[in-house]
Amino acid sequence: MKANLNDIADCRKSKWENDEIVFDKDEALGINANEEEFLKELAEMFIDGLPEQLSSIKEAVQRRDNNALEKSAHKLKGAVANFGNNSMFKVALSLEMMGRENRLEDVVEAYGALTREATRLVNALRNFIKSK
């Protein structure tokens, strides 16, 4: 999923609190050829790999390394895109843009939002995986 200018603008305006969609099963199925079992496997792989991806972003935030932040947030954004245009995607996009533009003043707050959205998405995906 490619970010559009409206997504980027929305991320810049956001203060990291939102009630946006966490996981839209129909949208995610549309992205993944309507293959529910494949989407469930993808969700399991995403959940398994998420701690490492979040750790990479956290390290970049702590070191104030804008290049590492851009790369690690971009990688996470790509993984999240498999599950649609959701709130975690938008926060990952915002972190990627912060790294690209070397705008790190709100990066700690944005990382906190990312971890909250990650928890919400993981919970939604676990429920989806359990569903029949």
N, C-alpha and C. Protein backbone atom coordinates (compact mmCIF):
# COMPACT_ATOMS: atom_id res chain seq x y z
N MET A 1 0.85 -1.16 0.00
CA MET A 1 0.00 0.00 0.00
C MET A 1 0.90 1.23 0.00
N LYS A 2 0.67 2.10 -0.93
CA LYS A 2 1.48 3.31 -1.04
C LYS A 2 0.79 4.43 -0.27
N ALA A 3 1.58 5.18 0.47
CA ALA A 3 1.04 6.31 1.22
C ALA A 3 0.68 7.43 0.25
N ASN A 4 -0.41 8.10 0.54
CA ASN A 4 -0.74 9.26 -0.28
C ASN A 4 -0.55 10.52 0.54
N LEU A 5 -0.61 11.66 -0.12
CA LEU A 5 -0.33 12.92 0.56
C LEU A 5 -1.32 13.21 1.68
N ASN A 6 -2.55 12.76 1.56
CA ASN A 6 -3.53 12.98 2.63
C ASN A 6 -3.15 12.20 3.88
N ASP A 7 -2.63 10.98 3.71
CA ASP A 7 -2.17 10.20 4.87
C ASP A 7 -1.05 10.93 5.58
N ILE A 8 -0.11 11.44 4.79
CA ILE A 8 1.03 12.15 5.38
C ILE A 8 0.55 13.39 6.11
N ALA A 9 -0.35 14.15 5.51
CA ALA A 9 -0.88 15.35 6.16
C ALA A 9 -1.64 14.99 7.43
N ASP A 10 -2.43 13.92 7.38
CA ASP A 10 -3.18 13.49 8.56
C ASP A 10 -2.24 13.13 9.70
N CYS A 11 -1.12 12.46 9.38
CA CYS A 11 -0.16 12.07 10.40
C CYS A 11 0.49 13.28 11.05
N ARG A 12 0.77 14.28 10.26
CA ARG A 12 1.43 15.47 10.81
C ARG A 12 0.49 16.24 11.73
N LYS A 13 -0.81 16.18 11.45
CA LYS A 13 -1.78 16.91 12.28
C LYS A 13 -2.12 16.13 13.55
N SER A 14 -2.02 14.83 13.48
CA SER A 14 -2.45 13.97 14.58
C SER A 14 -1.61 14.17 15.83
N LYS A 15 -2.24 14.03 16.96
CA LYS A 15 -1.52 14.01 18.24
C LYS A 15 -1.55 12.60 18.80
N TRP A 16 -1.63 11.63 17.91
CA TRP A 16 -1.44 10.23 18.24
C TRP A 16 -2.61 9.59 18.99
N GLU A 17 -3.69 10.28 19.12
CA GLU A 17 -4.87 9.67 19.73
C GLU A 17 -5.96 9.61 18.66
N ASN A 18 -6.46 8.43 18.39
CA ASN A 18 -7.52 8.36 17.39
C ASN A 18 -8.39 7.14 17.62
N ASP A 19 -9.54 7.19 17.00
CA ASP A 19 -10.49 6.10 17.07
C ASP A 19 -10.64 5.44 15.71
N GLU A 20 -9.58 5.50 14.92
CA GLU A 20 -9.65 4.95 13.58
C GLU A 20 -9.71 3.44 13.62
N ILE A 21 -9.95 2.89 12.47
CA ILE A 21 -10.06 1.45 12.32
C ILE A 21 -8.74 0.78 12.68
N VAL A 22 -8.84 -0.26 13.48
CA VAL A 22 -7.68 -1.03 13.87
C VAL A 22 -7.41 -2.11 12.82
N PHE A 23 -8.46 -2.81 12.42
CA PHE A 23 -8.33 -3.88 11.44
C PHE A 23 -9.65 -4.06 10.73
N ASP A 24 -9.64 -3.88 9.42
CA ASP A 24 -10.82 -4.08 8.59
C ASP A 24 -10.60 -5.37 7.80
N LYS A 25 -11.26 -6.42 8.25
CA LYS A 25 -11.07 -7.74 7.64
C LYS A 25 -11.36 -7.72 6.15
N ASP A 26 -12.43 -7.06 5.74
CA ASP A 26 -12.79 -7.03 4.33
C ASP A 26 -11.73 -6.32 3.49
N GLU A 27 -11.23 -5.21 4.00
CA GLU A 27 -10.17 -4.50 3.28
C GLU A 27 -8.92 -5.36 3.19
N ALA A 28 -8.55 -5.99 4.29
CA ALA A 28 -7.35 -6.83 4.32
C ALA A 28 -7.50 -8.02 3.37
N LEU A 29 -8.68 -8.61 3.32
CA LEU A 29 -8.90 -9.72 2.38
C LEU A 29 -8.79 -9.23 0.94
N GLY A 30 -9.31 -8.05 0.67
CA GLY A 30 -9.20 -7.48 -0.67
C GLY A 30 -7.76 -7.27 -1.09
N ILE A 31 -6.93 -6.87 -0.16
CA ILE A 31 -5.50 -6.66 -0.43
C ILE A 31 -4.81 -8.00 -0.68
N ASN A 32 -5.32 -9.05 -0.07
CA ASN A 32 -4.68 -10.36 -0.10
C ASN A 32 -5.49 -11.40 -0.87
N ALA A 33 -6.05 -11.00 -2.00
CA ALA A 33 -6.73 -11.89 -2.94
C ALA A 33 -7.86 -12.71 -2.31
N ASN A 34 -8.49 -12.18 -1.28
CA ASN A 34 -9.61 -12.85 -0.60
C ASN A 34 -9.25 -14.24 -0.09
N GLU A 35 -7.99 -14.43 0.26
CA GLU A 35 -7.51 -15.71 0.79
C GLU A 35 -7.42 -15.62 2.31
N GLU A 36 -8.49 -16.04 2.99
CA GLU A 36 -8.55 -15.89 4.43
C GLU A 36 -7.47 -16.68 5.16
N GLU A 37 -7.22 -17.90 4.75
CA GLU A 37 -6.19 -18.70 5.42
C GLU A 37 -4.81 -18.08 5.23
N PHE A 38 -4.54 -17.58 4.03
CA PHE A 38 -3.27 -16.89 3.78
C PHE A 38 -3.15 -15.66 4.68
N LEU A 39 -4.23 -14.89 4.79
CA LEU A 39 -4.22 -13.69 5.63
C LEU A 39 -3.97 -14.06 7.10
N LYS A 40 -4.54 -15.16 7.55
CA LYS A 40 -4.30 -15.61 8.92
C LYS A 40 -2.83 -15.99 9.12
N GLU A 41 -2.24 -16.67 8.15
CA GLU A 41 -0.82 -17.02 8.24
C GLU A 41 0.04 -15.75 8.23
N LEU A 42 -0.32 -14.81 7.39
CA LEU A 42 0.40 -13.54 7.32
C LEU A 42 0.30 -12.80 8.66
N ALA A 43 -0.87 -12.84 9.26
CA ALA A 43 -1.07 -12.20 10.56
C ALA A 43 -0.19 -12.85 11.62
N GLU A 44 -0.11 -14.17 11.61
CA GLU A 44 0.74 -14.86 12.58
C GLU A 44 2.21 -14.48 12.39
N MET A 45 2.66 -14.41 11.14
CA MET A 45 4.06 -14.03 10.87
C MET A 45 4.31 -12.59 11.30
N PHE A 46 3.33 -11.72 11.06
CA PHE A 46 3.46 -10.32 11.47
C PHE A 46 3.60 -10.22 12.99
N ILE A 47 2.73 -10.91 13.70
CA ILE A 47 2.76 -10.88 15.17
C ILE A 47 4.11 -11.42 15.68
N ASP A 48 4.58 -12.50 15.08
CA ASP A 48 5.87 -13.08 15.51
C ASP A 48 7.04 -12.13 15.27
N GLY A 49 7.02 -11.39 14.18
CA GLY A 49 8.12 -10.51 13.84
C GLY A 49 8.03 -9.12 14.42
N LEU A 50 6.88 -8.77 14.96
CA LEU A 50 6.66 -7.41 15.44
C LEU A 50 7.62 -6.97 16.55
N PRO A 51 7.90 -7.79 17.56
CA PRO A 51 8.81 -7.33 18.61
C PRO A 51 10.17 -6.88 18.07
N GLU A 52 10.71 -7.60 17.12
CA GLU A 52 12.01 -7.22 16.54
C GLU A 52 11.90 -5.89 15.78
N GLN A 53 10.80 -5.72 15.04
CA GLN A 53 10.62 -4.48 14.29
C GLN A 53 10.45 -3.29 15.22
N LEU A 54 9.67 -3.47 16.28
CA LEU A 54 9.49 -2.38 17.25
C LEU A 54 10.81 -2.06 17.96
N SER A 55 11.60 -3.09 18.23
CA SER A 55 12.89 -2.89 18.87
C SER A 55 13.82 -2.04 17.99
N SER A 56 13.81 -2.30 16.70
CA SER A 56 14.64 -1.52 15.77
C SER A 56 14.24 -0.06 15.77
N ILE A 57 12.94 0.18 15.80
CA ILE A 57 12.46 1.56 15.82
C ILE A 57 12.81 2.21 17.15
N LYS A 58 12.62 1.48 18.23
CA LYS A 58 12.95 2.03 19.55
C LYS A 58 14.43 2.42 19.63
N GLU A 59 15.30 1.57 19.13
CA GLU A 59 16.73 1.89 19.13
C GLU A 59 17.02 3.16 18.34
N ALA A 60 16.39 3.29 17.18
CA ALA A 60 16.59 4.48 16.34
C ALA A 60 16.10 5.73 17.07
N VAL A 61 14.97 5.61 17.77
CA VAL A 61 14.42 6.74 18.52
C VAL A 61 15.38 7.12 19.65
N GLN A 62 15.85 6.14 20.38
CA GLN A 62 16.75 6.42 21.50
C GLN A 62 18.07 7.03 21.05
N ARG A 63 18.57 6.59 19.90
CA ARG A 63 19.83 7.13 19.38
C ARG A 63 19.62 8.42 18.59
N ARG A 64 18.33 8.76 18.36
CA ARG A 64 18.00 9.93 17.53
C ARG A 64 18.64 9.79 16.15
N ASP A 65 18.57 8.57 15.62
CA ASP A 65 19.16 8.24 14.33
C ASP A 65 18.08 8.31 13.26
N ASN A 66 18.02 9.43 12.56
CA ASN A 66 16.93 9.63 11.62
C ASN A 66 16.97 8.65 10.45
N ASN A 67 18.15 8.25 9.98
CA ASN A 67 18.24 7.30 8.87
C ASN A 67 17.73 5.92 9.28
N ALA A 68 18.15 5.46 10.44
CA ALA A 68 17.68 4.15 10.93
C ALA A 68 16.17 4.20 11.20
N LEU A 69 15.69 5.32 11.71
CA LEU A 69 14.26 5.47 11.97
C LEU A 69 13.48 5.38 10.67
N GLU A 70 13.92 6.11 9.66
CA GLU A 70 13.22 6.08 8.38
C GLU A 70 13.16 4.66 7.83
N LYS A 71 14.28 3.96 7.85
CA LYS A 71 14.33 2.61 7.27
C LYS A 71 13.49 1.61 8.07
N SER A 72 13.61 1.64 9.38
CA SER A 72 12.88 0.66 10.19
C SER A 72 11.38 0.95 10.18
N ALA A 73 11.00 2.21 10.20
CA ALA A 73 9.57 2.56 10.14
C ALA A 73 8.99 2.21 8.77
N HIS A 74 9.78 2.41 7.72
CA HIS A 74 9.33 2.06 6.37
C HIS A 74 9.07 0.56 6.26
N LYS A 75 9.99 -0.23 6.81
CA LYS A 75 9.83 -1.69 6.79
C LYS A 75 8.57 -2.12 7.55
N LEU A 76 8.36 -1.53 8.72
CA LEU A 76 7.16 -1.87 9.50
C LEU A 76 5.90 -1.43 8.76
N LYS A 77 5.93 -0.25 8.19
CA LYS A 77 4.77 0.27 7.45
C LYS A 77 4.38 -0.70 6.34
N GLY A 78 5.39 -1.25 5.65
CA GLY A 78 5.11 -2.21 4.59
C GLY A 78 4.43 -3.47 5.12
N ALA A 79 4.87 -3.93 6.26
CA ALA A 79 4.26 -5.12 6.86
C ALA A 79 2.83 -4.84 7.31
N VAL A 80 2.62 -3.68 7.89
CA VAL A 80 1.30 -3.30 8.38
C VAL A 80 0.32 -3.09 7.23
N ALA A 81 0.83 -2.66 6.08
CA ALA A 81 -0.02 -2.38 4.92
C ALA A 81 -0.81 -3.61 4.46
N ASN A 82 -0.33 -4.80 4.79
CA ASN A 82 -1.07 -6.01 4.44
C ASN A 82 -2.43 -6.08 5.13
N PHE A 83 -2.60 -5.29 6.17
CA PHE A 83 -3.84 -5.33 6.95
C PHE A 83 -4.68 -4.08 6.74
N GLY A 84 -4.37 -3.31 5.71
CA GLY A 84 -5.19 -2.17 5.33
C GLY A 84 -4.65 -0.85 5.84
N ASN A 85 -5.40 0.17 5.50
CA ASN A 85 -5.04 1.54 5.88
C ASN A 85 -5.59 1.80 7.28
N ASN A 86 -4.84 1.39 8.27
CA ASN A 86 -5.30 1.47 9.65
C ASN A 86 -4.47 2.47 10.45
N SER A 87 -4.80 2.64 11.70
CA SER A 87 -4.13 3.64 12.53
C SER A 87 -2.65 3.33 12.74
N MET A 88 -2.27 2.06 12.83
CA MET A 88 -0.86 1.73 13.00
C MET A 88 -0.07 2.09 11.74
N PHE A 89 -0.66 1.86 10.59
CA PHE A 89 -0.02 2.23 9.33
C PHE A 89 0.29 3.73 9.33
N LYS A 90 -0.67 4.52 9.77
CA LYS A 90 -0.49 5.97 9.75
C LYS A 90 0.59 6.43 10.72
N VAL A 91 0.68 5.82 11.88
CA VAL A 91 1.73 6.21 12.83
C VAL A 91 3.10 5.77 12.29
N ALA A 92 3.18 4.58 11.69
CA ALA A 92 4.44 4.13 11.10
C ALA A 92 4.86 5.07 9.97
N LEU A 93 3.91 5.49 9.18
CA LEU A 93 4.19 6.46 8.11
C LEU A 93 4.72 7.76 8.69
N SER A 94 4.10 8.21 9.75
CA SER A 94 4.55 9.45 10.38
C SER A 94 5.98 9.32 10.89
N LEU A 95 6.30 8.20 11.51
CA LEU A 95 7.67 7.98 11.99
C LEU A 95 8.65 7.92 10.82
N GLU A 96 8.25 7.28 9.75
CA GLU A 96 9.10 7.24 8.56
C GLU A 96 9.39 8.66 8.05
N MET A 97 8.35 9.48 7.99
CA MET A 97 8.52 10.86 7.52
C MET A 97 9.37 11.68 8.49
N MET A 98 9.22 11.45 9.77
CA MET A 98 10.06 12.14 10.75
C MET A 98 11.53 11.82 10.51
N GLY A 99 11.81 10.56 10.25
CA GLY A 99 13.18 10.16 9.96
C GLY A 99 13.67 10.77 8.67
N ARG A 100 12.86 10.70 7.63
CA ARG A 100 13.26 11.22 6.32
C ARG A 100 13.55 12.72 6.38
N GLU A 101 12.72 13.44 7.14
CA GLU A 101 12.84 14.89 7.21
C GLU A 101 13.69 15.36 8.39
N ASN A 102 14.24 14.43 9.14
CA ASN A 102 15.04 14.73 10.33
C ASN A 102 14.28 15.67 11.29
N ARG A 103 13.00 15.34 11.51
CA ARG A 103 12.15 16.07 12.45
C ARG A 103 11.92 15.15 13.65
N LEU A 104 12.77 15.22 14.63
CA LEU A 104 12.73 14.25 15.71
C LEU A 104 12.16 14.80 17.01
N GLU A 105 11.62 16.03 16.99
CA GLU A 105 11.15 16.62 18.25
C GLU A 105 9.98 15.86 18.88
N ASP A 106 9.11 15.25 18.10
CA ASP A 106 7.96 14.51 18.64
C ASP A 106 8.12 13.00 18.51
N VAL A 107 9.33 12.54 18.27
CA VAL A 107 9.53 11.14 17.94
C VAL A 107 9.24 10.20 19.12
N VAL A 108 9.52 10.61 20.32
CA VAL A 108 9.25 9.75 21.49
C VAL A 108 7.73 9.58 21.66
N GLU A 109 7.00 10.66 21.51
CA GLU A 109 5.54 10.61 21.60
C GLU A 109 4.98 9.72 20.48
N ALA A 110 5.52 9.84 19.28
CA ALA A 110 5.06 9.04 18.16
C ALA A 110 5.36 7.56 18.38
N TYR A 111 6.53 7.26 18.95
CA TYR A 111 6.85 5.86 19.24
C TYR A 111 5.87 5.29 20.27
N GLY A 112 5.51 6.07 21.26
CA GLY A 112 4.51 5.63 22.23
C GLY A 112 3.18 5.31 21.57
N ALA A 113 2.79 6.16 20.62
CA ALA A 113 1.55 5.90 19.88
C ALA A 113 1.67 4.63 19.05
N LEU A 114 2.85 4.42 18.47
CA LEU A 114 3.06 3.21 17.67
C LEU A 114 2.89 1.96 18.52
N THR A 115 3.44 1.96 19.71
CA THR A 115 3.33 0.78 20.56
C THR A 115 1.87 0.55 20.99
N ARG A 116 1.14 1.62 21.25
CA ARG A 116 -0.29 1.48 21.59
C ARG A 116 -1.08 0.90 20.41
N GLU A 117 -0.81 1.44 19.22
CA GLU A 117 -1.52 0.95 18.03
C GLU A 117 -1.11 -0.48 17.71
N ALA A 118 0.14 -0.83 17.97
CA ALA A 118 0.60 -2.20 17.75
C ALA A 118 -0.17 -3.17 18.64
N THR A 119 -0.36 -2.79 19.89
CA THR A 119 -1.12 -3.64 20.81
C THR A 119 -2.54 -3.82 20.32
N ARG A 120 -3.16 -2.73 19.88
CA ARG A 120 -4.53 -2.80 19.37
C ARG A 120 -4.62 -3.70 18.13
N LEU A 121 -3.67 -3.53 17.20
CA LEU A 121 -3.70 -4.35 15.99
C LEU A 121 -3.43 -5.81 16.29
N VAL A 122 -2.47 -6.10 17.14
CA VAL A 122 -2.17 -7.49 17.49
C VAL A 122 -3.39 -8.15 18.12
N ASN A 123 -4.08 -7.45 19.01
CA ASN A 123 -5.29 -8.02 19.62
C ASN A 123 -6.35 -8.31 18.57
N ALA A 124 -6.55 -7.37 17.64
CA ALA A 124 -7.53 -7.57 16.57
C ALA A 124 -7.14 -8.74 15.68
N LEU A 125 -5.86 -8.84 15.36
CA LEU A 125 -5.40 -9.94 14.50
C LEU A 125 -5.51 -11.28 15.20
N ARG A 126 -5.22 -11.31 16.48
CA ARG A 126 -5.38 -12.58 17.23
C ARG A 126 -6.83 -13.04 17.22
N ASN A 127 -7.75 -12.10 17.38
CA ASN A 127 -9.18 -12.44 17.30
C ASN A 127 -9.54 -12.96 15.92
N PHE A 128 -8.99 -12.33 14.89
CA PHE A 128 -9.23 -12.76 13.52
C PHE A 128 -8.68 -14.17 13.30
N ILE A 129 -7.49 -14.44 13.77
CA ILE A 129 -6.87 -15.75 13.60
C ILE A 129 -7.71 -16.84 14.25
N LYS A 130 -8.30 -16.54 15.39
CA LYS A 130 -9.12 -17.51 16.13
C LYS A 130 -10.47 -17.74 15.47
N SER A 131 -10.92 -16.78 14.67
CA SER A 131 -12.26 -16.88 14.08
C SER A 131 -12.32 -18.00 13.05
N LYS A 132 -13.51 -18.50 12.84
CA LYS A 132 -13.70 -19.59 11.87
C LYS A 132 -14.24 -19.07 10.58
